[in-house]
Amino acid sequence: MADLDAAMEFVAEVSPSFTIGFVQEIREASRSLRTFADRGRIVPEVQTEALRELFVRDHRLIYRVAADEVTILAIFHGRRDFRRAWRGRS
């Protein structure tokens, strides 16, 4: 996923020693959605029940919940303008 690569590059620039831990946290958060997909908050900019997010450090893990499936749609820095980062992804 290009978003994960970009997030890793950002974290590596700021603090290379935290990159591996950051990737592990992203993976753990993603795996946790298998058992409790509704744990993330509804994305405030969209206000759609099926579109949720978890924060991993200062990054937003955006995902869609549908029936028995969870799809990771995006990972980007929390300070980034959501509308600009989200454009063309829905």
PDB file of N, CA and C in Angstrom:
ATOM      1  N   MET A   1       0.858  -1.180   0.000  1.00  0.00           N
ATOM      2  CA  MET A   1       0.000   0.000   0.000  1.00  0.00           C
ATOM      3  C   MET A   1       0.901   1.240   0.000  1.00  0.00           C
ATOM      4  N   ALA A   2       0.666   2.110  -0.938  1.00  0.00           N
ATOM      5  CA  ALA A   2       1.473   3.322  -1.081  1.00  0.00           C
ATOM      6  C   ALA A   2       1.398   4.212   0.157  1.00  0.00           C
ATOM      7  N   ASP A   3       0.226   4.256   0.801  1.00  0.00           N
ATOM      8  CA  ASP A   3       0.084   5.086   2.006  1.00  0.00           C
ATOM      9  C   ASP A   3       0.991   4.599   3.124  1.00  0.00           C
ATOM     10  N   LEU A   4       1.099   3.293   3.292  1.00  0.00           N
ATOM     11  CA  LEU A   4       1.955   2.750   4.338  1.00  0.00           C
ATOM     12  C   LEU A   4       3.412   3.079   4.039  1.00  0.00           C
ATOM     13  N   ASP A   5       3.798   2.954   2.779  1.00  0.00           N
ATOM     14  CA  ASP A   5       5.164   3.308   2.392  1.00  0.00           C
ATOM     15  C   ASP A   5       5.460   4.775   2.685  1.00  0.00           C
ATOM     16  N   ALA A   6       4.529   5.648   2.351  1.00  0.00           N
ATOM     17  CA  ALA A   6       4.712   7.085   2.600  1.00  0.00           C
ATOM     18  C   ALA A   6       4.791   7.368   4.101  1.00  0.00           C
ATOM     19  N   ALA A   7       3.942   6.709   4.884  1.00  0.00           N
ATOM     20  CA  ALA A   7       3.970   6.901   6.333  1.00  0.00           C
ATOM     21  C   ALA A   7       5.287   6.414   6.913  1.00  0.00           C
ATOM     22  N   MET A   8       5.783   5.270   6.423  1.00  0.00           N
ATOM     23  CA  MET A   8       7.063   4.746   6.894  1.00  0.00           C
ATOM     24  C   MET A   8       8.196   5.707   6.571  1.00  0.00           C
ATOM     25  N   GLU A   9       8.186   6.268   5.372  1.00  0.00           N
ATOM     26  CA  GLU A   9       9.220   7.227   4.990  1.00  0.00           C
ATOM     27  C   GLU A   9       9.192   8.447   5.894  1.00  0.00           C
ATOM     28  N   PHE A  10       7.993   8.936   6.194  1.00  0.00           N
ATOM     29  CA  PHE A  10       7.850  10.097   7.066  1.00  0.00           C
ATOM     30  C   PHE A  10       8.412   9.795   8.453  1.00  0.00           C
ATOM     31  N   VAL A  11       8.014   8.666   9.020  1.00  0.00           N
ATOM     32  CA  VAL A  11       8.474   8.299  10.358  1.00  0.00           C
ATOM     33  C   VAL A  11       9.981   8.083  10.351  1.00  0.00           C
ATOM     34  N   ALA A  12      10.504   7.460   9.296  1.00  0.00           N
ATOM     35  CA  ALA A  12      11.949   7.211   9.200  1.00  0.00           C
ATOM     36  C   ALA A  12      12.737   8.513   9.146  1.00  0.00           C
ATOM     37  N   GLU A  13      12.198   9.529   8.478  1.00  0.00           N
ATOM     38  CA  GLU A  13      12.873  10.828   8.425  1.00  0.00           C
ATOM     39  C   GLU A  13      12.910  11.492   9.792  1.00  0.00           C
ATOM     40  N   VAL A  14      11.817  11.385  10.513  1.00  0.00           N
ATOM     41  CA  VAL A  14      11.721  12.018  11.831  1.00  0.00           C
ATOM     42  C   VAL A  14      12.495  11.220  12.864  1.00  0.00           C
ATOM     43  N   SER A  15      12.336   9.901  12.846  1.00  0.00           N
ATOM     44  CA  SER A  15      12.964   9.052  13.855  1.00  0.00           C
ATOM     45  C   SER A  15      13.124   7.636  13.311  1.00  0.00           C
ATOM     46  N   PRO A  16      14.255   7.353  12.682  1.00  0.00           N
ATOM     47  CA  PRO A  16      14.457   6.036  12.075  1.00  0.00           C
ATOM     48  C   PRO A  16      14.271   4.872  13.048  1.00  0.00           C
ATOM     49  N   SER A  17      14.621   5.068  14.292  1.00  0.00           N
ATOM     50  CA  SER A  17      14.527   3.964  15.252  1.00  0.00           C
ATOM     51  C   SER A  17      13.084   3.569  15.567  1.00  0.00           C
ATOM     52  N   PHE A  18      12.120   4.424  15.277  1.00  0.00           N
ATOM     53  CA  PHE A  18      10.728   4.122  15.562  1.00  0.00           C
ATOM     54  C   PHE A  18       9.981   3.499  14.380  1.00  0.00           C
ATOM     55  N   THR A  19      10.624   3.403  13.231  1.00  0.00           N
ATOM     56  CA  THR A  19       9.943   2.940  12.026  1.00  0.00           C
ATOM     57  C   THR A  19       9.402   1.521  12.168  1.00  0.00           C
ATOM     58  N   ILE A  20      10.207   0.607  12.672  1.00  0.00           N
ATOM     59  CA  ILE A  20       9.759  -0.784  12.807  1.00  0.00           C
ATOM     60  C   ILE A  20       8.590  -0.873  13.772  1.00  0.00           C
ATOM     61  N   GLY A  21       8.673  -0.180  14.897  1.00  0.00           N
ATOM     62  CA  GLY A  21       7.576  -0.179  15.863  1.00  0.00           C
ATOM     63  C   GLY A  21       6.308   0.414  15.281  1.00  0.00           C
ATOM     64  N   PHE A  22       6.454   1.456  14.478  1.00  0.00           N
ATOM     65  CA  PHE A  22       5.305   2.097  13.843  1.00  0.00           C
ATOM     66  C   PHE A  22       4.595   1.116  12.906  1.00  0.00           C
ATOM     67  N   VAL A  23       5.356   0.419  12.083  1.00  0.00           N
ATOM     68  CA  VAL A  23       4.777  -0.552  11.154  1.00  0.00           C
ATOM     69  C   VAL A  23       4.090  -1.671  11.935  1.00  0.00           C
ATOM     70  N   GLN A  24       4.692  -2.125  13.009  1.00  0.00           N
ATOM     71  CA  GLN A  24       4.069  -3.166  13.834  1.00  0.00           C
ATOM     72  C   GLN A  24       2.753  -2.677  14.430  1.00  0.00           C
ATOM     73  N   GLU A  25       2.716  -1.423  14.869  1.00  0.00           N
ATOM     74  CA  GLU A  25       1.473  -0.865  15.422  1.00  0.00           C
ATOM     75  C   GLU A  25       0.374  -0.788  14.364  1.00  0.00           C
ATOM     76  N   ILE A  26       0.736  -0.396  13.144  1.00  0.00           N
ATOM     77  CA  ILE A  26      -0.233  -0.347  12.046  1.00  0.00           C
ATOM     78  C   ILE A  26      -0.791  -1.747  11.798  1.00  0.00           C
ATOM     79  N   ARG A  27       0.088  -2.730  11.744  1.00  0.00           N
ATOM     80  CA  ARG A  27      -0.350  -4.115  11.508  1.00  0.00           C
ATOM     81  C   ARG A  27      -1.244  -4.620  12.634  1.00  0.00           C
ATOM     82  N   GLU A  28      -0.874  -4.349  13.873  1.00  0.00           N
ATOM     83  CA  GLU A  28      -1.683  -4.782  15.018  1.00  0.00           C
ATOM     84  C   GLU A  28      -3.058  -4.122  15.002  1.00  0.00           C
ATOM     85  N   ALA A  29      -3.085  -2.833  14.700  1.00  0.00           N
ATOM     86  CA  ALA A  29      -4.367  -2.122  14.626  1.00  0.00           C
ATOM     87  C   ALA A  29      -5.234  -2.715  13.524  1.00  0.00           C
ATOM     88  N   SER A  30      -4.626  -3.006  12.389  1.00  0.00           N
ATOM     89  CA  SER A  30      -5.366  -3.599  11.266  1.00  0.00           C
ATOM     90  C   SER A  30      -5.916  -4.967  11.637  1.00  0.00           C
ATOM     91  N   ARG A  31      -5.103  -5.783  12.271  1.00  0.00           N
ATOM     92  CA  ARG A  31      -5.550  -7.123  12.673  1.00  0.00           C
ATOM     93  C   ARG A  31      -6.668  -7.061  13.701  1.00  0.00           C
ATOM     94  N   SER A  32      -6.610  -6.075  14.586  1.00  0.00           N
ATOM     95  CA  SER A  32      -7.627  -5.962  15.643  1.00  0.00           C
ATOM     96  C   SER A  32      -9.013  -5.697  15.069  1.00  0.00           C
ATOM     97  N   LEU A  33      -9.066  -5.189  13.866  1.00  0.00           N
ATOM     98  CA  LEU A  33     -10.353  -4.892  13.242  1.00  0.00           C
ATOM     99  C   LEU A  33     -11.117  -6.153  12.861  1.00  0.00           C
ATOM    100  N   ARG A  34     -10.422  -7.275  12.789  1.00  0.00           N
ATOM    101  CA  ARG A  34     -11.091  -8.555  12.478  1.00  0.00           C
ATOM    102  C   ARG A  34     -12.134  -8.901  13.538  1.00  0.00           C
ATOM    103  N   THR A  35     -11.829  -8.575  14.785  1.00  0.00           N
ATOM    104  CA  THR A  35     -12.734  -8.961  15.869  1.00  0.00           C
ATOM    105  C   THR A  35     -13.598  -7.821  16.375  1.00  0.00           C
ATOM    106  N   PHE A  36     -13.183  -6.590  16.131  1.00  0.00           N
ATOM    107  CA  PHE A  36     -13.964  -5.465  16.640  1.00  0.00           C
ATOM    108  C   PHE A  36     -13.859  -4.282  15.676  1.00  0.00           C
ATOM    109  N   ALA A  37     -14.472  -4.428  14.525  1.00  0.00           N
ATOM    110  CA  ALA A  37     -14.352  -3.436  13.457  1.00  0.00           C
ATOM    111  C   ALA A  37     -14.963  -2.087  13.811  1.00  0.00           C
ATOM    112  N   ASP A  38     -15.971  -2.086  14.662  1.00  0.00           N
ATOM    113  CA  ASP A  38     -16.638  -0.827  14.993  1.00  0.00           C
ATOM    114  C   ASP A  38     -15.934  -0.041  16.096  1.00  0.00           C
ATOM    115  N   ARG A  39     -14.765  -0.478  16.507  1.00  0.00           N
ATOM    116  CA  ARG A  39     -14.067   0.204  17.601  1.00  0.00           C
ATOM    117  C   ARG A  39     -13.558   1.587  17.207  1.00  0.00           C
ATOM    118  N   GLY A  40     -13.276   1.789  15.946  1.00  0.00           N
ATOM    119  CA  GLY A  40     -12.810   3.092  15.489  1.00  0.00           C
ATOM    120  C   GLY A  40     -13.948   4.096  15.431  1.00  0.00           C
ATOM    121  N   ARG A  41     -13.592   5.350  15.480  1.00  0.00           N
ATOM    122  CA  ARG A  41     -14.637   6.377  15.410  1.00  0.00           C
ATOM    123  C   ARG A  41     -15.051   6.609  13.959  1.00  0.00           C
ATOM    124  N   ILE A  42     -16.250   7.103  13.792  1.00  0.00           N
ATOM    125  CA  ILE A  42     -16.727   7.508  12.473  1.00  0.00           C
ATOM    126  C   ILE A  42     -15.880   8.689  12.023  1.00  0.00           C
ATOM    127  N   VAL A  43     -15.448   8.668  10.776  1.00  0.00           N
ATOM    128  CA  VAL A  43     -14.614   9.756  10.257  1.00  0.00           C
ATOM    129  C   VAL A  43     -15.441  11.038  10.292  1.00  0.00           C
ATOM    130  N   PRO A  44     -15.031  12.030  11.084  1.00  0.00           N
ATOM    131  CA  PRO A  44     -15.860  13.225  11.275  1.00  0.00           C
ATOM    132  C   PRO A  44     -16.112  14.031  10.004  1.00  0.00           C
ATOM    133  N   GLU A  45     -15.175  14.027   9.083  1.00  0.00           N
ATOM    134  CA  GLU A  45     -15.345  14.811   7.859  1.00  0.00           C
ATOM    135  C   GLU A  45     -16.374  14.207   6.914  1.00  0.00           C
ATOM    136  N   VAL A  46     -16.698  12.928   7.103  1.00  0.00           N
ATOM    137  CA  VAL A  46     -17.596  12.230   6.188  1.00  0.00           C
ATOM    138  C   VAL A  46     -18.927  11.884   6.848  1.00  0.00           C
ATOM    139  N   GLN A  47     -18.887  11.517   8.121  1.00  0.00           N
ATOM    140  CA  GLN A  47     -20.091  11.172   8.882  1.00  0.00           C
ATOM    141  C   GLN A  47     -20.888  10.036   8.254  1.00  0.00           C
ATOM    142  N   THR A  48     -20.179   8.987   7.850  1.00  0.00           N
ATOM    143  CA  THR A  48     -20.804   7.786   7.315  1.00  0.00           C
ATOM    144  C   THR A  48     -20.479   6.635   8.251  1.00  0.00           C
ATOM    145  N   GLU A  49     -21.491   5.932   8.713  1.00  0.00           N
ATOM    146  CA  GLU A  49     -21.310   4.852   9.692  1.00  0.00           C
ATOM    147  C   GLU A  49     -20.274   3.824   9.259  1.00  0.00           C
ATOM    148  N   ALA A  50     -20.232   3.502   7.987  1.00  0.00           N
ATOM    149  CA  ALA A  50     -19.341   2.449   7.494  1.00  0.00           C
ATOM    150  C   ALA A  50     -17.893   2.902   7.347  1.00  0.00           C
ATOM    151  N   LEU A  51     -17.637   4.196   7.368  1.00  0.00           N
ATOM    152  CA  LEU A  51     -16.279   4.713   7.197  1.00  0.00           C
ATOM    153  C   LEU A  51     -15.741   5.128   8.559  1.00  0.00           C
ATOM    154  N   ARG A  52     -14.710   4.426   9.015  1.00  0.00           N
ATOM    155  CA  ARG A  52     -14.187   4.634  10.363  1.00  0.00           C
ATOM    156  C   ARG A  52     -12.682   4.837  10.333  1.00  0.00           C
ATOM    157  N   GLU A  53     -12.150   5.254  11.496  1.00  0.00           N
ATOM    158  CA  GLU A  53     -10.710   5.469  11.580  1.00  0.00           C
ATOM    159  C   GLU A  53     -10.196   5.121  12.967  1.00  0.00           C
ATOM    160  N   LEU A  54      -8.942   4.697  12.972  1.00  0.00           N
ATOM    161  CA  LEU A  54      -8.187   4.511  14.196  1.00  0.00           C
ATOM    162  C   LEU A  54      -6.948   5.386  14.081  1.00  0.00           C
ATOM    163  N   PHE A  55      -6.509   5.924  15.172  1.00  0.00           N
ATOM    164  CA  PHE A  55      -5.242   6.654  15.169  1.00  0.00           C
ATOM    165  C   PHE A  55      -4.137   5.712  15.615  1.00  0.00           C
ATOM    166  N   VAL A  56      -3.080   5.684  14.855  1.00  0.00           N
ATOM    167  CA  VAL A  56      -1.873   4.955  15.207  1.00  0.00           C
ATOM    168  C   VAL A  56      -0.784   6.009  15.259  1.00  0.00           C
ATOM    169  N   ARG A  57      -0.374   6.300  16.497  1.00  0.00           N
ATOM    170  CA  ARG A  57       0.494   7.449  16.758  1.00  0.00           C
ATOM    171  C   ARG A  57      -0.212   8.679  16.194  1.00  0.00           C
ATOM    172  N   ASP A  58       0.379   9.364  15.254  1.00  0.00           N
ATOM    173  CA  ASP A  58      -0.265  10.564  14.720  1.00  0.00           C
ATOM    174  C   ASP A  58      -0.759  10.359  13.284  1.00  0.00           C
ATOM    175  N   HIS A  59      -0.994   9.102  12.925  1.00  0.00           N
ATOM    176  CA  HIS A  59      -1.513   8.765  11.599  1.00  0.00           C
ATOM    177  C   HIS A  59      -2.930   8.219  11.706  1.00  0.00           C
ATOM    178  N   ARG A  60      -3.711   8.500  10.695  1.00  0.00           N
ATOM    179  CA  ARG A  60      -5.092   8.032  10.627  1.00  0.00           C
ATOM    180  C   ARG A  60      -5.151   6.781   9.747  1.00  0.00           C
ATOM    181  N   LEU A  61      -5.686   5.709  10.295  1.00  0.00           N
ATOM    182  CA  LEU A  61      -5.920   4.481   9.559  1.00  0.00           C
ATOM    183  C   LEU A  61      -7.401   4.492   9.210  1.00  0.00           C
ATOM    184  N   ILE A  62      -7.722   4.751   7.960  1.00  0.00           N
ATOM    185  CA  ILE A  62      -9.103   4.880   7.499  1.00  0.00           C
ATOM    186  C   ILE A  62      -9.539   3.544   6.898  1.00  0.00           C
ATOM    187  N   TYR A  63     -10.715   3.074   7.320  1.00  0.00           N
ATOM    188  CA  TYR A  63     -11.196   1.795   6.822  1.00  0.00           C
ATOM    189  C   TYR A  63     -12.710   1.799   6.659  1.00  0.00           C
ATOM    190  N   ARG A  64     -13.176   0.860   5.825  1.00  0.00           N
ATOM    191  CA  ARG A  64     -14.610   0.708   5.553  1.00  0.00           C
ATOM    192  C   ARG A  64     -15.067  -0.626   6.120  1.00  0.00           C
ATOM    193  N   VAL A  65     -16.209  -0.596   6.798  1.00  0.00           N
ATOM    194  CA  VAL A  65     -16.815  -1.801   7.363  1.00  0.00           C
ATOM    195  C   VAL A  65     -18.031  -2.146   6.511  1.00  0.00           C
ATOM    196  N   ALA A  66     -18.057  -3.370   5.997  1.00  0.00           N
ATOM    197  CA  ALA A  66     -19.187  -3.838   5.188  1.00  0.00           C
ATOM    198  C   ALA A  66     -19.445  -5.300   5.519  1.00  0.00           C
ATOM    199  N   ALA A  67     -20.613  -5.580   6.045  1.00  0.00           N
ATOM    200  CA  ALA A  67     -21.017  -6.950   6.422  1.00  0.00           C
ATOM    201  C   ALA A  67     -19.912  -7.619   7.233  1.00  0.00           C
ATOM    202  N   ASP A  68     -19.282  -8.647   6.673  1.00  0.00           N
ATOM    203  CA  ASP A  68     -18.223  -9.376   7.367  1.00  0.00           C
ATOM    204  C   ASP A  68     -16.840  -9.028   6.835  1.00  0.00           C
ATOM    205  N   GLU A  69     -16.698  -7.829   6.314  1.00  0.00           N
ATOM    206  CA  GLU A  69     -15.432  -7.461   5.681  1.00  0.00           C
ATOM    207  C   GLU A  69     -14.987  -6.071   6.125  1.00  0.00           C
ATOM    208  N   VAL A  70     -13.700  -5.939   6.358  1.00  0.00           N
ATOM    209  CA  VAL A  70     -13.090  -4.645   6.670  1.00  0.00           C
ATOM    210  C   VAL A  70     -12.019  -4.392   5.620  1.00  0.00           C
ATOM    211  N   THR A  71     -12.060  -3.213   5.013  1.00  0.00           N
ATOM    212  CA  THR A  71     -11.086  -2.852   3.992  1.00  0.00           C
ATOM    213  C   THR A  71     -10.339  -1.602   4.428  1.00  0.00           C
ATOM    214  N   ILE A  72      -9.016  -1.695   4.500  1.00  0.00           N
ATOM    215  CA  ILE A  72      -8.192  -0.531   4.811  1.00  0.00           C
ATOM    216  C   ILE A  72      -8.132   0.306   3.540  1.00  0.00           C
ATOM    217  N   LEU A  73      -8.528   1.572   3.661  1.00  0.00           N
ATOM    218  CA  LEU A  73      -8.585   2.452   2.491  1.00  0.00           C
ATOM    219  C   LEU A  73      -7.440   3.447   2.423  1.00  0.00           C
ATOM    220  N   ALA A  74      -6.952   3.878   3.588  1.00  0.00           N
ATOM    221  CA  ALA A  74      -5.916   4.909   3.579  1.00  0.00           C
ATOM    222  C   ALA A  74      -5.203   4.967   4.921  1.00  0.00           C
ATOM    223  N   ILE A  75      -3.972   5.437   4.874  1.00  0.00           N
ATOM    224  CA  ILE A  75      -3.192   5.755   6.066  1.00  0.00           C
ATOM    225  C   ILE A  75      -2.483   7.058   5.742  1.00  0.00           C
ATOM    226  N   PHE A  76      -2.788   8.093   6.532  1.00  0.00           N
ATOM    227  CA  PHE A  76      -2.071   9.343   6.328  1.00  0.00           C
ATOM    228  C   PHE A  76      -1.958  10.127   7.619  1.00  0.00           C
ATOM    229  N   HIS A  77      -1.048  11.059   7.624  1.00  0.00           N
ATOM    230  CA  HIS A  77      -0.763  11.844   8.826  1.00  0.00           C
ATOM    231  C   HIS A  77      -1.998  12.624   9.252  1.00  0.00           C
ATOM    232  N   GLY A  78      -2.221  12.672  10.546  1.00  0.00           N
ATOM    233  CA  GLY A  78      -3.394  13.338  11.095  1.00  0.00           C
ATOM    234  C   GLY A  78      -3.446  14.832  10.849  1.00  0.00           C
ATOM    235  N   ARG A  79      -2.320  15.454  10.606  1.00  0.00           N
ATOM    236  CA  ARG A  79      -2.314  16.903  10.328  1.00  0.00           C
ATOM    237  C   ARG A  79      -2.611  17.229   8.872  1.00  0.00           C
ATOM    238  N   ARG A  80      -2.578  16.210   8.061  1.00  0.00           N
ATOM    239  CA  ARG A  80      -2.831  16.429   6.634  1.00  0.00           C
ATOM    240  C   ARG A  80      -4.297  16.799   6.422  1.00  0.00           C
ATOM    241  N   ASP A  81      -4.553  17.665   5.470  1.00  0.00           N
ATOM    242  CA  ASP A  81      -5.913  18.057   5.138  1.00  0.00           C
ATOM    243  C   ASP A  81      -6.672  16.830   4.636  1.00  0.00           C
ATOM    244  N   PHE A  82      -7.711  16.442   5.376  1.00  0.00           N
ATOM    245  CA  PHE A  82      -8.433  15.214   5.049  1.00  0.00           C
ATOM    246  C   PHE A  82      -9.019  15.257   3.644  1.00  0.00           C
ATOM    247  N   ARG A  83      -9.716  16.311   3.323  1.00  0.00           N
ATOM    248  CA  ARG A  83     -10.393  16.386   2.011  1.00  0.00           C
ATOM    249  C   ARG A  83      -9.397  16.247   0.861  1.00  0.00           C
ATOM    250  N   ARG A  84      -8.270  16.888   0.990  1.00  0.00           N
ATOM    251  CA  ARG A  84      -7.247  16.801  -0.065  1.00  0.00           C
ATOM    252  C   ARG A  84      -6.660  15.379  -0.133  1.00  0.00           C
ATOM    253  N   ALA A  85      -6.367  14.797   1.030  1.00  0.00           N
ATOM    254  CA  ALA A  85      -5.794  13.449   1.069  1.00  0.00           C
ATOM    255  C   ALA A  85      -6.798  12.394   0.608  1.00  0.00           C
ATOM    256  N   TRP A  86      -8.079  12.631   0.843  1.00  0.00           N
ATOM    257  CA  TRP A  86      -9.130  11.674   0.556  1.00  0.00           C
ATOM    258  C   TRP A  86      -9.611  11.732  -0.887  1.00  0.00           C
ATOM    259  N   ARG A  87      -9.393  12.820  -1.557  1.00  0.00           N
ATOM    260  CA  ARG A  87      -9.901  13.023  -2.902  1.00  0.00           C
ATOM    261  C   ARG A  87      -9.601  11.835  -3.809  1.00  0.00           C
ATOM    262  N   GLY A  88     -10.653  11.283  -4.403  1.00  0.00           N
ATOM    263  CA  GLY A  88     -10.517  10.192  -5.352  1.00  0.00           C
ATOM    264  C   GLY A  88     -10.409   8.804  -4.732  1.00  0.00           C
ATOM    265  N   ARG A  89     -10.584   8.688  -3.417  1.00  0.00           N
ATOM    266  CA  ARG A  89     -10.416   7.390  -2.760  1.00  0.00           C
ATOM    267  C   ARG A  89     -11.714   6.687  -2.431  1.00  0.00           C
ATOM    268  N   SER A  90     -12.789   7.383  -2.314  1.00  0.00           N
ATOM    269  CA  SER A  90     -14.025   6.752  -1.857  1.00  0.00           C
ATOM    270  C   SER A  90     -14.556   5.810  -2.896  1.00  0.00           C
TER     271      SER A  90
END
